[in-house]
Amino acid sequence: MHTSDHELKVEPYFMKLLLLPRQYVVAGQDFLVASMATQCGLSLLLKPEGRYSIPSTRPDLVVSINPQERCDADFLQAMFNSVPIVVHLHHQLEYLDGAKRSDAIRSLSFASAIVVPARFLRRKVQALFPHIPVHVVPNGVPERLFYPASPEERSAFRVQNGISPTQLLVGIVGPMTEAKGLQVIKSICSGIDDQDFALFIQYPDWQAITEDVGASYRRVASELKARSPAKIVLWPDSMPRFAPRPVRYLDVLIAPSLSEVQPLTTLEALVSGVPIIATRSTPFYEELLEAGVRYRWCRTIPLPKRFKEGSKELSRLNLTEEEAGMIAKNIIGVLGNHQPISDRARQTMARKMKKLGFSETVMCESFREIHAEAMAGFRPGSTEIRMLST
């Protein structure tokens, strides 16, 4: 029988599962689900009730991006020694309270390989699990949504939102919570009247959020605007995966969080050629400077020493009114010395961030390699999947 030289090669099929404890976007890692599913060939395992169902066919790989969830830890325990497991950690372990920290550590202990976005977190995790490979893969930003805006686009955005063409346009993006620096944001809003900048506040307002905490975000945002109605513009974000992304049109992004690992909003700004002023909520900012991102692009404001660069429990992430006021004063002081950034410099920064690996495409390529390596190197200790206890 004659075989054509152009006969299609049939690739082997592998059942690779990505655990999905919630079917809506809330946390930063939730934004990775769509790209991981499509670019890494992962099938989503949904959790219709309190736990996952055990698949009838043994999977070739299980991936968890929410190891702090009890349902993920239980499922990984049931799969342990039967299936290669890759666990992605997106929190500082110290940030997680009580049971969530225990479940995260339990999930990590079952891993064939662990993935973290920053070098400082690899050092911490490797110290806990010296026998498990820990890979650093930077969070990837979708290039189709985040890239430098042209001068014409920035001007049009200002006109659409009633912002003066001469004012510095400063933005804040994220949930209206204490952990994301709400106390600092309140202090900035109270002291903005005498400053020559407009403040653009973008907060989550899509369906899953509005059904949970969205109403409180709206209340908080309205209260913030009332502190300086002429200087503050609100942007309820109802479509987080669609253009346009307002961060592209900013002059500066403020990131006043109290605990982070590698915040997506920071990466999105820098990939868009927008500098940031951030509280020192993660050692990752030092890693950026070490990688050659100049201080003018990533300026940091100290937090009180007890925060230990973000390694503090969520329940303890609060500032006194005096501390919040001092941080706000420092941020406003840095804004007062802001130097305009040329379009050429914006484009150069966007290219640098892509070269450093902060690209969705590069991220998924690295994930695929790690998944393949975990599957190739796995030696089952048991071919039987243990049933979940009731």
Protein backbone atom coordinates (compact mmCIF):
# COMPACT_ATOMS: atom_id res chain seq x y z
CA MET A 1 0.00 0.00 0.00
CA HIS A 2 1.40 3.38 -1.04
CA THR A 3 1.76 5.97 1.74
CA SER A 4 1.88 9.65 0.87
CA ASP A 5 4.95 11.63 1.92
CA HIS A 6 2.51 14.20 3.26
CA GLU A 7 0.60 11.74 5.44
CA LEU A 8 -0.48 13.40 8.66
CA LYS A 9 1.35 12.37 11.79
CA VAL A 10 -1.05 11.38 14.56
CA GLU A 11 -0.01 12.87 17.88
CA PRO A 12 -0.66 10.76 21.00
CA TYR A 13 -3.54 11.96 23.19
CA PHE A 14 -2.95 12.59 26.86
CA MET A 15 -5.63 13.28 29.44
CA LYS A 16 -4.26 16.29 31.30
CA LEU A 17 -6.59 17.79 33.90
CA LEU A 18 -6.62 21.33 35.29
CA LEU A 19 -8.54 21.51 38.56
CA LEU A 20 -11.10 24.31 38.60
CA PRO A 21 -12.60 24.92 42.05
CA ARG A 22 -14.67 27.89 40.77
CA GLN A 23 -16.03 28.68 37.34
CA TYR A 24 -15.57 32.44 37.51
CA VAL A 25 -12.72 34.92 37.70
CA VAL A 26 -11.89 36.24 41.17
CA ALA A 27 -8.19 35.84 41.94
CA GLY A 28 -5.24 36.65 39.68
CA GLN A 29 -4.52 33.01 38.87
CA ASP A 30 -8.08 32.61 37.53
CA PHE A 31 -7.05 34.72 34.55
CA LEU A 32 -4.56 31.98 33.59
CA VAL A 33 -7.21 29.27 33.12
CA ALA A 34 -8.25 30.08 29.56
CA SER A 35 -4.69 30.33 28.20
CA MET A 36 -3.55 27.20 30.09
CA ALA A 37 -6.49 25.20 28.75
CA THR A 38 -6.01 26.25 25.11
CA GLN A 39 -2.21 26.53 24.90
CA CYS A 40 -1.23 23.67 27.24
CA GLY A 41 -3.84 21.14 26.12
CA LEU A 42 -5.48 20.89 29.54
CA SER A 43 -9.04 19.74 30.15
CA LEU A 44 -10.93 21.45 32.95
CA LEU A 45 -12.14 19.30 35.84
CA LEU A 46 -15.04 21.17 37.39
CA LYS A 47 -16.23 20.95 40.97
CA PRO A 48 -20.04 20.84 40.80
CA GLU A 49 -20.45 20.30 44.55
CA GLY A 50 -18.11 20.34 47.52
CA ARG A 51 -15.44 18.19 45.87
CA TYR A 52 -14.23 16.86 42.54
CA SER A 53 -15.46 13.55 41.12
CA ILE A 54 -12.81 10.91 40.55
CA PRO A 55 -12.50 10.33 36.76
CA SER A 56 -13.29 6.83 35.51
CA THR A 57 -10.06 6.80 33.48
CA ARG A 58 -6.77 7.52 35.17
CA PRO A 59 -5.44 10.89 33.87
CA ASP A 60 -1.92 11.32 32.55
CA LEU A 61 -1.39 14.57 34.48
CA VAL A 62 -3.15 16.67 37.11
CA VAL A 63 -2.49 20.41 37.48
CA SER A 64 -3.60 22.62 40.38
CA ILE A 65 -3.36 26.42 40.38
CA ASN A 66 -5.34 26.79 43.63
CA PRO A 67 -3.43 24.55 46.07
CA GLN A 68 -4.86 26.46 49.05
CA GLU A 69 -8.36 25.11 48.30
CA ARG A 70 -9.37 22.07 50.38
CA CYS A 71 -10.98 20.37 47.36
CA ASP A 72 -7.69 20.59 45.41
CA ALA A 73 -5.64 19.22 48.29
CA ASP A 74 -8.07 16.30 48.78
CA PHE A 75 -8.09 15.43 45.08
CA LEU A 76 -4.30 15.56 44.83
CA GLN A 77 -4.04 13.29 47.86
CA ALA A 78 -6.32 10.78 46.13
CA MET A 79 -4.13 10.92 43.00
CA PHE A 80 -0.76 10.91 44.79
CA ASN A 81 1.69 8.22 43.58
CA SER A 82 -0.66 7.21 40.75
CA VAL A 83 -0.46 10.27 38.52
CA PRO A 84 2.14 13.02 37.94
CA ILE A 85 1.03 16.22 39.67
CA VAL A 86 2.11 19.80 38.94
CA VAL A 87 1.18 22.45 41.51
CA HIS A 88 1.31 26.20 40.82
CA LEU A 89 1.65 28.48 43.87
CA HIS A 90 0.61 32.13 43.51
CA HIS A 91 0.59 33.26 47.15
CA GLN A 92 3.19 33.79 49.82
CA LEU A 93 2.44 30.93 52.22
CA GLU A 94 2.55 33.33 55.17
CA TYR A 95 -0.30 35.32 53.57
CA LEU A 96 -2.70 32.36 53.77
CA ASP A 97 -4.66 32.03 56.98
CA GLY A 98 -4.87 28.80 59.02
CA ALA A 99 -6.60 26.02 57.08
CA LYS A 100 -5.77 27.47 53.65
CA ARG A 101 -2.07 27.51 54.48
CA SER A 102 -2.26 23.90 55.68
CA ASP A 103 -4.08 22.83 52.52
CA ALA A 104 -1.56 24.66 50.33
CA ILE A 105 1.33 22.89 52.04
CA ARG A 106 -0.52 19.57 51.76
CA SER A 107 -1.08 20.11 48.02
CA LEU A 108 2.57 21.03 47.48
CA SER A 109 3.72 17.88 49.29
CA PHE A 110 1.98 15.69 46.66
CA ALA A 111 3.59 17.45 43.68
CA SER A 112 5.91 15.89 41.13
CA ALA A 113 6.88 19.47 40.25
CA ILE A 114 6.05 22.92 41.65
CA VAL A 115 5.75 26.14 39.65
CA VAL A 116 6.09 29.63 41.17
CA PRO A 117 6.26 33.02 39.39
CA ALA A 118 9.17 34.60 41.29
CA ARG A 119 12.65 33.61 42.46
CA PHE A 120 12.15 34.64 46.08
CA LEU A 121 9.16 32.28 46.33
CA ARG A 122 11.18 29.42 44.85
CA ARG A 123 13.76 29.82 47.62
CA LYS A 124 11.05 29.62 50.28
CA VAL A 125 9.26 26.64 48.75
CA GLN A 126 12.47 24.75 47.96
CA ALA A 127 13.48 25.04 51.60
CA LEU A 128 10.22 23.31 52.59
CA PHE A 129 10.37 20.66 49.83
CA PRO A 130 14.02 20.11 48.89
CA HIS A 131 13.17 16.80 47.13
CA ILE A 132 10.65 18.35 44.67
CA PRO A 133 11.75 20.35 41.59
CA VAL A 134 10.59 23.98 41.89
CA HIS A 135 10.44 25.95 38.62
CA VAL A 136 10.20 29.73 38.19
CA VAL A 137 7.87 30.80 35.37
CA PRO A 138 6.94 34.49 35.34
CA ASN A 139 3.26 35.37 35.03
CA GLY A 140 2.41 36.01 31.40
CA VAL A 141 0.51 39.03 30.10
CA PRO A 142 -1.71 38.62 27.00
CA GLU A 143 -0.09 40.70 24.27
CA ARG A 144 -3.40 41.31 22.50
CA LEU A 145 -4.72 43.27 25.50
CA PHE A 146 -1.65 45.02 26.92
CA TYR A 147 0.74 47.08 24.78
CA PRO A 148 1.72 50.76 24.64
CA ALA A 149 -1.00 53.17 23.54
CA SER A 150 -0.30 55.80 20.89
CA PRO A 151 -0.45 59.52 21.79
CA GLU A 152 -3.72 59.73 19.82
CA GLU A 153 -5.25 56.87 21.81
CA ARG A 154 -4.22 58.44 25.11
CA SER A 155 -5.67 61.81 24.09
CA ALA A 156 -8.95 60.24 22.98
CA PHE A 157 -9.24 58.37 26.28
CA ARG A 158 -8.85 61.61 28.23
CA VAL A 159 -11.52 63.33 26.15
CA GLN A 160 -13.93 60.39 26.63
CA ASN A 161 -13.49 60.52 30.41
CA GLY A 162 -13.40 64.28 30.88
CA ILE A 163 -9.75 64.37 31.93
CA SER A 164 -7.64 67.46 31.23
CA PRO A 165 -4.91 66.96 28.59
CA THR A 166 -2.37 68.63 30.88
CA GLN A 167 -3.03 66.71 34.10
CA LEU A 168 -0.96 63.70 35.12
CA LEU A 169 -3.23 60.65 34.79
CA VAL A 170 -2.68 58.28 37.72
CA GLY A 171 -4.45 54.93 37.99
CA ILE A 172 -5.34 52.34 40.60
CA VAL A 173 -6.52 48.90 39.44
CA GLY A 174 -7.94 46.11 41.58
CA PRO A 175 -10.35 45.03 44.31
CA MET A 176 -11.40 47.56 46.94
CA THR A 177 -10.01 45.60 49.91
CA GLU A 178 -7.71 46.28 52.86
CA ALA A 179 -5.13 43.79 51.51
CA LYS A 180 -4.95 45.78 48.26
CA GLY A 181 -4.25 49.00 50.16
CA LEU A 182 -7.71 50.50 50.53
CA GLN A 183 -6.66 52.58 53.55
CA VAL A 184 -3.86 54.13 51.50
CA ILE A 185 -6.22 54.78 48.58
CA LYS A 186 -8.64 56.58 50.91
CA SER A 187 -5.84 58.81 52.17
CA ILE A 188 -4.74 59.62 48.60
CA CYS A 189 -8.30 60.51 47.62
CA SER A 190 -8.62 62.80 50.64
CA GLY A 191 -5.44 64.67 49.75
CA ILE A 192 -5.86 64.98 46.00
CA ASP A 193 -7.62 68.38 45.79
CA ASP A 194 -4.40 70.38 45.96
CA GLN A 195 -2.54 68.11 43.53
CA ASP A 196 -2.25 68.47 39.77
CA PHE A 197 -3.24 64.95 38.81
CA ALA A 198 -6.42 63.04 38.05
CA LEU A 199 -7.03 59.66 39.70
CA PHE A 200 -8.54 56.85 37.63
CA ILE A 201 -9.91 54.01 39.78
CA GLN A 202 -10.72 50.70 38.04
CA TYR A 203 -12.40 48.04 40.15
CA PRO A 204 -13.85 44.56 39.39
CA ASP A 205 -17.53 44.70 38.46
CA TRP A 206 -18.19 41.61 36.35
CA GLN A 207 -21.05 39.24 37.12
CA ALA A 208 -19.30 36.77 39.43
CA ILE A 209 -17.94 39.69 41.45
CA THR A 210 -21.23 41.59 41.64
CA GLU A 211 -22.95 38.46 42.93
CA ASP A 212 -20.36 38.17 45.69
CA VAL A 213 -18.58 41.33 46.84
CA GLY A 214 -19.26 43.66 43.92
CA ALA A 215 -21.90 45.68 45.73
CA SER A 216 -19.40 46.59 48.45
CA TYR A 217 -16.79 47.56 45.81
CA ARG A 218 -19.29 49.93 44.22
CA ARG A 219 -20.10 51.50 47.57
CA VAL A 220 -16.44 51.97 48.41
CA ALA A 221 -15.65 53.40 44.96
CA SER A 222 -18.54 55.89 45.22
CA GLU A 223 -17.33 56.94 48.66
CA LEU A 224 -13.81 57.46 47.30
CA LYS A 225 -15.08 59.63 44.44
CA ALA A 226 -17.08 61.75 46.89
CA ARG A 227 -13.80 62.80 48.52
CA SER A 228 -12.80 64.70 45.36
CA PRO A 229 -15.50 64.42 42.64
CA ALA A 230 -13.71 66.66 40.12
CA LYS A 231 -10.41 64.77 40.31
CA ILE A 232 -11.53 61.12 40.50
CA VAL A 233 -12.85 58.99 37.61
CA LEU A 234 -14.40 55.58 38.33
CA TRP A 235 -14.25 52.66 35.90
CA PRO A 236 -16.35 49.62 36.91
CA ASP A 237 -14.67 46.80 34.95
CA SER A 238 -17.42 44.54 33.62
CA MET A 239 -15.41 42.74 30.90
CA PRO A 240 -11.90 41.91 32.21
CA ARG A 241 -10.88 39.83 29.17
CA PHE A 242 -11.80 42.39 26.55
CA ALA A 243 -10.16 45.52 25.17
CA PRO A 244 -9.65 48.31 25.76
CA ARG A 245 -7.63 47.95 28.95
CA PRO A 246 -7.51 51.39 30.61
CA VAL A 247 -4.03 50.87 32.12
CA ARG A 248 -2.59 51.46 28.62
CA TYR A 249 -3.65 55.13 28.75
CA LEU A 250 -2.22 55.99 32.17
CA ASP A 251 0.86 58.06 32.96
CA VAL A 252 1.50 56.15 36.20
CA LEU A 253 -0.03 53.15 38.00
CA ILE A 254 -0.17 53.11 41.81
CA ALA A 255 -0.01 49.66 43.45
CA PRO A 256 -0.52 50.15 47.22
CA SER A 257 -1.02 46.47 48.18
CA LEU A 258 0.09 45.05 51.52
CA SER A 259 0.99 41.55 50.23
CA GLU A 260 1.80 40.29 46.72
CA VAL A 261 3.96 37.74 44.91
CA GLN A 262 4.11 38.96 41.31
CA PRO A 263 1.06 41.18 40.78
CA LEU A 264 -0.52 40.96 37.33
CA THR A 265 -1.62 44.61 37.40
CA THR A 266 2.02 45.68 37.78
CA LEU A 267 3.11 43.49 34.86
CA GLU A 268 0.22 44.70 32.71
CA ALA A 269 1.26 48.30 33.33
CA LEU A 270 4.95 47.76 32.54
CA VAL A 271 4.14 45.70 29.41
CA SER A 272 1.96 48.66 28.36
CA GLY A 273 4.87 51.06 28.89
CA VAL A 274 3.40 52.58 32.06
CA PRO A 275 5.62 53.08 35.14
CA ILE A 276 4.48 52.04 38.61
CA ILE A 277 4.74 53.35 42.15
CA ALA A 278 4.23 50.42 44.52
CA THR A 279 4.39 49.66 48.19
CA ARG A 280 7.14 47.17 49.00
CA SER A 281 4.66 44.31 49.33
CA THR A 282 6.83 41.68 47.65
CA PRO A 283 10.55 40.99 47.11
CA PHE A 284 9.68 40.65 43.42
CA TYR A 285 10.15 44.39 42.93
CA GLU A 286 13.82 43.94 43.85
CA GLU A 287 14.02 41.14 41.27
CA LEU A 288 12.71 43.54 38.62
CA LEU A 289 15.40 46.09 39.44
CA GLU A 290 18.06 43.37 39.39
CA ALA A 291 16.81 42.32 35.94
CA GLY A 292 17.52 45.79 34.62
CA VAL A 293 14.16 47.53 35.01
CA ARG A 294 15.25 51.00 36.04
CA TYR A 295 14.01 52.70 39.19
CA ARG A 296 12.08 55.32 37.19
CA TRP A 297 9.82 52.47 36.03
CA CYS A 298 9.40 50.71 39.37
CA ARG A 299 9.55 53.01 42.39
CA THR A 300 8.73 51.50 45.77
CA ILE A 301 7.45 52.93 49.04
CA PRO A 302 8.33 51.11 52.31
CA LEU A 303 5.65 49.43 54.39
CA PRO A 304 5.89 49.19 58.19
CA LYS A 305 8.54 46.61 59.16
CA ARG A 306 5.99 44.18 60.60
CA PHE A 307 4.70 43.45 57.08
CA LYS A 308 8.02 41.81 56.09
CA GLU A 309 7.54 42.54 52.38
CA GLY A 310 4.13 40.92 52.24
CA SER A 311 4.83 37.79 54.27
CA LYS A 312 1.99 38.45 56.69
CA GLU A 313 -1.35 36.71 57.25
CA LEU A 314 -4.32 38.15 55.39
CA SER A 315 -6.18 38.78 58.66
CA ARG A 316 -3.30 40.95 59.89
CA LEU A 317 -3.00 43.10 56.79
CA ASN A 318 -4.18 46.40 58.17
CA LEU A 319 -2.62 49.80 58.71
CA THR A 320 -3.22 52.47 61.29
CA GLU A 321 -4.67 55.72 59.96
CA GLU A 322 -1.33 57.40 60.60
CA GLU A 323 0.60 54.70 58.67
CA ALA A 324 -1.80 54.85 55.72
CA GLY A 325 -1.53 58.64 55.67
CA MET A 326 2.27 58.53 55.63
CA ILE A 327 2.36 56.02 52.75
CA ALA A 328 -0.14 58.14 50.80
CA LYS A 329 1.97 61.24 51.45
CA ASN A 330 5.08 59.45 50.17
CA ILE A 331 3.28 58.28 47.02
CA ILE A 332 1.96 61.79 46.32
CA GLY A 333 5.48 63.12 46.86
CA VAL A 334 6.90 60.74 44.24
CA LEU A 335 4.11 61.72 41.83
CA GLY A 336 5.11 65.36 42.28
CA ASN A 337 8.55 64.53 40.84
CA HIS A 338 7.25 62.48 37.91
CA GLN A 339 9.08 63.02 34.64
CA PRO A 340 7.17 62.51 31.35
CA ILE A 341 8.01 59.33 29.47
CA SER A 342 8.46 59.35 25.71
CA ASP A 343 6.63 57.01 23.36
CA ARG A 344 9.95 55.49 22.38
CA ALA A 345 10.72 54.71 26.04
CA ARG A 346 7.29 53.09 26.43
CA GLN A 347 7.95 50.82 23.46
CA THR A 348 11.42 49.97 24.77
CA MET A 349 10.01 48.96 28.17
CA ALA A 350 7.33 46.79 26.53
CA ARG A 351 10.02 44.94 24.56
CA LYS A 352 12.19 44.53 27.66
CA MET A 353 9.32 42.98 29.66
CA LYS A 354 8.61 40.56 26.84
CA LYS A 355 12.31 39.64 26.67
CA LEU A 356 12.25 38.97 30.43
CA GLY A 357 9.47 36.42 29.86
CA PHE A 358 6.36 38.29 31.02
CA SER A 359 4.39 37.07 28.02
CA GLU A 360 1.41 34.73 27.99
CA THR A 361 2.88 32.80 25.05
CA VAL A 362 6.27 32.33 26.73
CA MET A 363 4.59 31.36 30.02
CA CYS A 364 2.51 28.64 28.38
CA GLU A 365 5.53 27.30 26.48
CA SER A 366 7.33 26.90 29.80
CA PHE A 367 4.29 25.23 31.36
CA ARG A 368 4.12 22.71 28.51
CA GLU A 369 7.79 21.81 28.98
CA ILE A 370 7.34 21.35 32.75
CA HIS A 371 4.22 19.23 32.23
CA ALA A 372 5.98 17.03 29.66
CA GLU A 373 9.00 16.62 31.95
CA ALA A 374 6.77 15.66 34.89
CA MET A 375 4.97 13.05 32.79
CA ALA A 376 8.17 11.63 31.31
CA GLY A 377 9.92 11.33 34.67
CA PHE A 378 7.01 9.97 36.68
CA ARG A 379 7.26 6.47 38.15
CA PRO A 380 4.01 5.40 39.81
CA GLY A 381 4.27 4.03 43.31
CA SER A 382 0.71 2.82 43.05
CA THR A 383 -1.48 2.26 40.00
CA GLU A 384 -4.65 2.52 42.09
CA ILE A 385 -6.29 5.86 42.71
CA ARG A 386 -7.30 6.17 46.34
CA MET A 387 -10.93 7.12 46.84
CA LEU A 388 -11.73 10.39 48.62
CA SER A 389 -12.92 9.90 52.17
CA THR A 390 -16.50 10.95 52.82
